[in-house]
Protein backbone atom coordinates (compact mmCIF):
# COMPACT_ATOMS: atom_id res chain seq x y z
CA MET A 1 -88.19 35.80 -20.22
CA ASN A 2 -88.35 37.11 -16.70
CA GLN A 3 -90.14 35.82 -13.61
CA GLN A 4 -93.25 37.95 -14.11
CA ASP A 5 -93.76 36.82 -17.72
CA SER A 6 -93.29 33.21 -16.68
CA GLN A 7 -95.87 33.56 -13.89
CA PHE A 8 -98.37 35.18 -16.27
CA SER A 9 -97.84 32.41 -18.84
CA SER A 10 -98.35 29.65 -16.28
CA ASN A 11 -101.49 31.34 -14.93
CA GLN A 12 -102.84 31.65 -18.46
CA LEU A 13 -102.13 27.96 -19.10
CA PHE A 14 -103.81 26.95 -15.85
CA LEU A 15 -106.91 29.01 -16.67
CA SER A 16 -107.15 27.58 -20.18
CA VAL A 17 -106.95 24.01 -18.83
CA ILE A 18 -109.69 24.74 -16.28
CA LEU A 19 -111.92 26.25 -19.00
CA MET A 20 -111.38 23.25 -21.30
CA VAL A 21 -112.25 20.83 -18.50
CA ALA A 22 -115.38 22.83 -17.67
CA GLY A 23 -116.42 22.83 -21.34
CA ALA A 24 -115.86 19.09 -21.64
CA HIS A 25 -117.92 18.52 -18.49
CA LEU A 26 -120.73 20.65 -19.92
CA CYS A 27 -120.74 18.67 -23.19
CA ASN A 28 -120.68 15.37 -21.31
CA ASP A 29 -123.69 16.35 -19.17
CA LEU A 30 -125.63 17.68 -22.17
CA ILE A 31 -125.13 14.48 -24.14
CA GLN A 32 -126.21 12.34 -21.21
CA SER A 33 -129.33 14.39 -20.53
CA MET A 34 -130.39 14.51 -24.19
CA LEU A 35 -129.98 10.77 -24.64
CA THR A 36 -132.17 9.94 -21.67
CA ALA A 37 -134.88 12.19 -23.09
CA THR A 38 -134.91 10.18 -26.33
CA TYR A 39 -135.48 6.78 -24.71
CA PRO A 40 -139.29 6.85 -25.16
CA LEU A 41 -138.81 7.70 -28.84
CA LEU A 42 -136.32 4.88 -29.31
CA GLU A 43 -138.66 2.49 -27.50
CA GLU A 44 -141.56 3.30 -29.81
CA LYS A 45 -139.65 3.49 -33.09
CA TYR A 46 -137.61 0.30 -32.67
CA ARG A 47 -140.13 -1.54 -30.42
CA LEU A 48 -137.60 -2.08 -27.66
CA SER A 49 -138.41 -3.60 -24.31
CA PHE A 50 -137.61 -1.89 -21.02
CA ALA A 51 -134.69 -4.28 -20.54
CA GLN A 52 -133.20 -3.32 -23.91
CA VAL A 53 -133.58 0.39 -23.16
CA GLY A 54 -131.97 -0.27 -19.77
CA CYS A 55 -129.01 -1.98 -21.46
CA ILE A 56 -128.61 0.98 -23.80
CA SER A 57 -128.71 3.30 -20.79
CA LEU A 58 -126.11 1.23 -18.96
CA VAL A 59 -123.69 1.18 -21.88
CA ILE A 60 -124.06 4.92 -22.53
CA SER A 61 -123.65 5.77 -18.84
CA LEU A 62 -120.51 3.65 -18.52
CA GLN A 63 -119.04 5.15 -21.67
CA LEU A 64 -119.79 8.73 -20.62
CA GLN A 65 -118.42 8.08 -17.16
CA PHE A 66 -115.19 6.78 -18.66
CA TYR A 67 -114.75 9.92 -20.76
CA SER A 68 -115.86 12.27 -17.99
CA PRO A 69 -113.42 15.06 -17.18
CA GLN A 70 -113.28 13.95 -13.56
CA SER A 71 -111.83 10.58 -14.54
CA VAL A 72 -109.27 12.29 -16.76
CA ILE A 73 -108.25 14.69 -13.99
CA THR A 74 -107.79 11.89 -11.48
CA GLN A 75 -105.34 10.27 -13.90
CA ILE A 76 -103.20 13.43 -13.90
CA SER A 77 -100.94 13.81 -10.92
CA ILE A 78 -101.81 16.75 -8.69
CA ARG A 79 -98.10 17.26 -8.22
CA ASN A 80 -97.69 17.95 -11.96
CA LEU A 81 -100.50 20.50 -11.88
CA ILE A 82 -98.90 22.29 -8.95
CA TYR A 83 -95.48 22.09 -10.59
CA TYR A 84 -96.69 23.75 -13.80
CA HIS A 85 -98.77 26.31 -11.91
């Protein structure tokens, strides 16, 4: 494998990682926005108080923030990304 093939392979890997992170971010934002739209339905169906709906919102927001692509990227060393690129 020569230098040009290696460079093309690393660029392809870098692009695929960026696309996966963007897709994960899109899914994360869609889930969070759809859940907040269902709060009035949950409140009526299960007769929840505003405090209970707020607790549900807090738990979901913390969980989605933990699995957010930004938090995953910050755990990866920038040096490793540059090294593989």
